[in-house]
Amino acid sequence: MRTRQKGITLMGLIIGSFLLVLVALLAMRLLPSYIEYFTIKKNLVSLGKETAGRDATANEIRRSFESRTAIDDITSIKSTDLAITKEGNAYVIAASYRREVPLFANVGVYIDFEASSR
């Protein structure tokens, strides 16, 4: 009696490999944008906590953000893009920006980010 063989075919292996490479390409291209977003978010929250309860001007907050962007190598947003408002004793610092990520040939992805110190 013959037993039926089990396993993956060559065509299944090729299609699976193609999908794996496509997902890896997408992750490698998008991950730096999300890492930068979380760094910006962390800096805004830290600035919000740092300025809470003291009289800081918007220019001081912007200068502090500029020094943090130089250290963390943030290029997507400048200190002039920050929206600074005061709610009670605390400052709320917010920023929104769009990042274009080219994938391959003429295909790319636009990602809209919004971060706040809240």
Protein backbone atom coordinates (compact mmCIF):
# COMPACT_ATOMS: atom_id res chain seq x y z
CA MET A 1 0.00 0.00 0.00
CA ARG A 2 1.19 3.43 -0.88
CA THR A 3 1.01 6.20 1.69
CA ARG A 4 0.18 9.72 0.67
CA GLN A 5 3.06 12.15 1.20
CA LYS A 6 2.48 15.21 3.36
CA GLY A 7 4.30 18.52 3.19
CA ILE A 8 4.55 21.79 1.37
CA THR A 9 4.83 22.04 -2.39
CA LEU A 10 7.42 24.12 -4.21
CA MET A 11 4.73 26.60 -5.27
CA GLY A 12 3.52 26.94 -1.69
CA LEU A 13 7.09 27.56 -0.54
CA ILE A 14 7.59 30.29 -3.17
CA ILE A 15 4.31 32.05 -2.32
CA GLY A 16 5.00 31.81 1.42
CA SER A 17 8.51 33.19 0.95
CA PHE A 18 7.19 36.07 -1.17
CA LEU A 19 4.65 37.02 1.48
CA LEU A 20 7.27 36.81 4.23
CA VAL A 21 9.64 39.08 2.28
CA LEU A 22 6.82 41.56 1.60
CA VAL A 23 5.87 41.77 5.29
CA ALA A 24 9.56 42.12 6.28
CA LEU A 25 10.04 44.94 3.74
CA LEU A 26 6.97 46.75 5.05
CA ALA A 27 8.11 46.38 8.66
CA MET A 28 11.66 47.58 7.91
CA ARG A 29 10.36 50.68 6.14
CA LEU A 30 7.64 51.63 8.65
CA LEU A 31 9.34 50.79 11.95
CA PRO A 32 11.72 53.83 12.01
CA SER A 33 8.77 56.21 11.61
CA TYR A 34 6.97 54.66 14.55
CA ILE A 35 10.12 54.66 16.68
CA GLU A 36 10.54 58.38 15.96
CA TYR A 37 6.88 59.01 16.83
CA PHE A 38 7.23 57.28 20.20
CA THR A 39 10.41 59.28 20.87
CA ILE A 40 8.56 62.53 20.10
CA LYS A 41 5.67 61.46 22.32
CA LYS A 42 8.08 60.63 25.17
CA ASN A 43 9.77 64.03 24.83
CA LEU A 44 6.45 65.91 24.82
CA VAL A 45 5.23 64.09 27.94
CA SER A 46 8.55 64.75 29.65
CA LEU A 47 8.39 68.44 28.73
CA GLY A 48 4.83 68.65 29.99
CA LYS A 49 5.83 67.18 33.35
CA GLU A 50 8.95 69.34 33.53
CA THR A 51 7.05 72.60 32.98
CA ALA A 52 4.07 71.73 35.21
CA GLY A 53 3.71 74.09 38.14
CA ARG A 54 6.31 76.62 37.02
CA ASP A 55 6.12 79.69 34.84
CA ALA A 56 7.82 78.73 31.63
CA THR A 57 7.43 80.65 28.41
CA ALA A 58 6.62 79.09 25.08
CA ASN A 59 10.11 80.02 23.84
CA GLU A 60 11.74 78.15 26.73
CA ILE A 61 9.66 75.08 25.95
CA ARG A 62 10.59 75.30 22.27
CA ARG A 63 14.31 75.65 23.08
CA SER A 64 14.13 72.67 25.40
CA PHE A 65 12.40 70.65 22.68
CA GLU A 66 15.06 71.69 20.15
CA SER A 67 17.84 70.42 22.38
CA ARG A 68 16.00 67.13 22.87
CA THR A 69 15.48 66.72 19.12
CA ALA A 70 19.19 67.26 18.54
CA ILE A 71 20.03 64.55 21.05
CA ASP A 72 17.40 62.05 19.83
CA ASP A 73 17.94 62.85 16.11
CA ILE A 74 14.33 63.80 15.40
CA THR A 75 13.95 65.22 11.89
CA SER A 76 10.20 65.02 11.20
CA ILE A 77 9.16 67.92 13.40
CA LYS A 78 10.62 71.28 14.40
CA SER A 79 10.03 73.30 17.54
CA THR A 80 7.96 75.81 15.53
CA ASP A 81 5.45 73.02 14.78
CA LEU A 82 4.51 72.66 18.45
CA ALA A 83 1.12 73.87 19.68
CA ILE A 84 1.57 75.03 23.29
CA THR A 85 -1.47 75.79 25.45
CA LYS A 86 -1.88 76.23 29.17
CA GLU A 87 -4.56 74.34 31.07
CA GLY A 88 -4.60 75.24 34.76
CA ASN A 89 -1.04 74.99 36.07
CA ALA A 90 0.18 72.66 33.34
CA TYR A 91 1.22 73.22 29.78
CA VAL A 92 -0.19 70.98 27.08
CA ILE A 93 2.26 70.55 24.23
CA ALA A 94 0.93 68.97 21.05
CA ALA A 95 2.23 68.28 17.58
CA SER A 96 0.86 66.69 14.45
CA TYR A 97 2.76 65.82 11.32
CA ARG A 98 2.69 63.61 8.24
CA ARG A 99 5.44 61.22 7.28
CA GLU A 100 5.87 59.84 3.76
CA VAL A 101 7.54 56.45 3.59
CA PRO A 102 8.59 55.23 0.13
CA LEU A 103 8.24 51.46 -0.22
CA PHE A 104 9.39 50.53 -3.71
CA ALA A 105 9.28 52.09 -7.20
CA ASN A 106 6.49 54.70 -7.08
CA VAL A 107 4.59 53.12 -4.18
CA GLY A 108 4.65 54.76 -0.77
CA VAL A 109 2.69 55.23 2.42
CA TYR A 110 1.58 58.43 4.15
CA ILE A 111 1.27 58.21 7.93
CA ASP A 112 -0.37 60.97 9.98
CA PHE A 113 0.92 61.22 13.55
CA GLU A 114 -0.50 63.23 16.45
CA ALA A 115 1.32 63.44 19.78
CA SER A 116 0.47 65.33 22.93
CA SER A 117 1.88 65.76 26.41
CA ARG A 118 -1.46 64.75 27.91
